[in-house]
Protein backbone atom coordinates (compact mmCIF):
# COMPACT_ATOMS: atom_id res chain seq x y z
CA MET A 1 -0.02 0.04 0.00
CA ASP A 2 2.91 2.36 0.67
CA ASP A 3 4.08 1.87 -2.96
CA VAL A 4 0.68 2.98 -4.30
CA THR A 5 0.65 6.03 -1.93
CA GLU A 6 4.14 6.96 -2.88
CA THR A 7 3.50 6.61 -6.56
CA LEU A 8 0.31 8.59 -6.28
CA SER A 9 2.16 11.41 -4.43
CA SER A 10 4.94 11.39 -6.96
CA LEU A 11 2.46 11.57 -9.90
CA LEU A 12 0.54 14.37 -8.25
CA GLU A 13 3.77 16.32 -7.54
CA ARG A 14 4.83 15.98 -11.22
CA LEU A 15 1.43 17.05 -12.42
CA GLU A 16 1.31 20.12 -10.18
CA ALA A 17 4.83 21.03 -11.19
CA SER A 18 4.08 20.76 -14.85
CA ILE A 19 0.88 22.82 -14.43
CA ARG A 20 2.80 25.60 -12.69
CA GLN A 21 5.51 25.62 -15.43
CA THR A 22 2.99 25.61 -18.35
CA ARG A 23 0.43 27.92 -16.78
CA ARG A 24 -0.71 30.59 -19.17
CA HIS A 25 -1.43 33.96 -17.66
CA ASP A 26 -4.80 35.49 -18.11
CA ALA A 27 -6.16 39.04 -17.81
CA ILE A 28 -6.68 38.69 -14.14
CA ASP A 29 -3.07 37.70 -13.56
CA ALA A 30 -1.95 40.67 -15.66
CA ILE A 31 -4.05 43.05 -13.48
CA LEU A 32 -2.87 41.48 -10.22
CA ALA A 33 0.80 41.73 -11.40
CA GLY A 34 0.42 45.35 -12.46
CA THR A 35 0.83 48.46 -10.38
CA THR A 36 -1.72 49.28 -7.67
CA ARG A 37 -4.55 51.32 -9.11
CA THR A 38 -5.93 54.40 -7.35
CA THR A 39 -8.84 56.60 -8.19
CA GLN A 40 -9.11 60.31 -8.68
CA VAL A 41 -12.85 60.29 -8.10
CA ALA A 42 -14.04 62.75 -5.50
CA SER A 43 -17.30 62.37 -3.57
CA LEU A 44 -20.01 64.76 -4.38
CA ARG A 45 -20.97 64.69 -0.74
CA ASP A 46 -18.26 67.07 0.14
CA HIS A 47 -18.64 69.40 -2.93
CA GLU A 48 -19.08 73.10 -2.04
CA VAL A 49 -22.45 73.19 -3.94
CA VAL A 50 -23.74 70.21 -2.00
CA ARG A 51 -22.56 71.71 1.35
CA ARG A 52 -24.23 75.00 0.53
CA PHE A 53 -27.51 73.30 -0.44
CA ARG A 54 -27.56 71.34 2.79
CA GLN A 55 -26.84 74.48 4.83
CA GLU A 56 -29.55 76.49 3.12
CA LEU A 57 -32.02 73.59 3.41
CA SER A 58 -31.38 73.34 7.18
CA ASP A 59 -31.80 77.14 7.39
CA GLY A 60 -35.03 76.89 5.43
CA LEU A 61 -33.67 79.35 2.90
CA ILE A 62 -33.13 77.47 -0.31
CA ARG A 63 -32.33 80.01 -3.05
CA VAL A 64 -33.19 79.29 -6.63
CA ASP A 65 -29.64 79.74 -7.80
CA THR A 66 -28.41 77.26 -5.16
CA ALA A 67 -30.97 74.64 -6.24
CA HIS A 68 -29.97 75.27 -9.88
CA ARG A 69 -26.28 74.77 -9.06
CA LEU A 70 -27.01 71.53 -7.25
CA LEU A 71 -29.10 70.20 -10.17
CA THR A 72 -26.43 71.27 -12.68
CA LEU A 73 -23.77 69.42 -10.68
CA LEU A 74 -25.84 66.30 -10.40
CA ARG A 75 -26.70 66.42 -14.18
CA THR A 76 -22.91 66.72 -14.97
CA ALA A 77 -22.08 63.82 -12.71
CA ILE A 78 -24.83 61.63 -14.06
CA ASP A 79 -23.87 62.44 -17.70
CA ALA A 80 -20.23 61.54 -17.03
CA ALA A 81 -21.22 58.30 -15.38
CA LEU A 82 -23.55 57.18 -18.12
CA THR A 83 -21.39 58.05 -21.09
């Protein structure tokens, strides 16, 4: 029985070694091997227009131009995300 176990282990080791040597790299391997990616995206949550809108909303004094700036900012962000 030890012969069979040793033979099986030997065959499995050879198989694993050959797989490691002949392994082709795919797109995921290329990404993982590449440089770390970072984003330049900034949250709209902290944008000046959104802060001002929140402040005026809490003060109960929403001005038309503030609402217009918020809607323009949102439209720009949505257009960029969907195109």
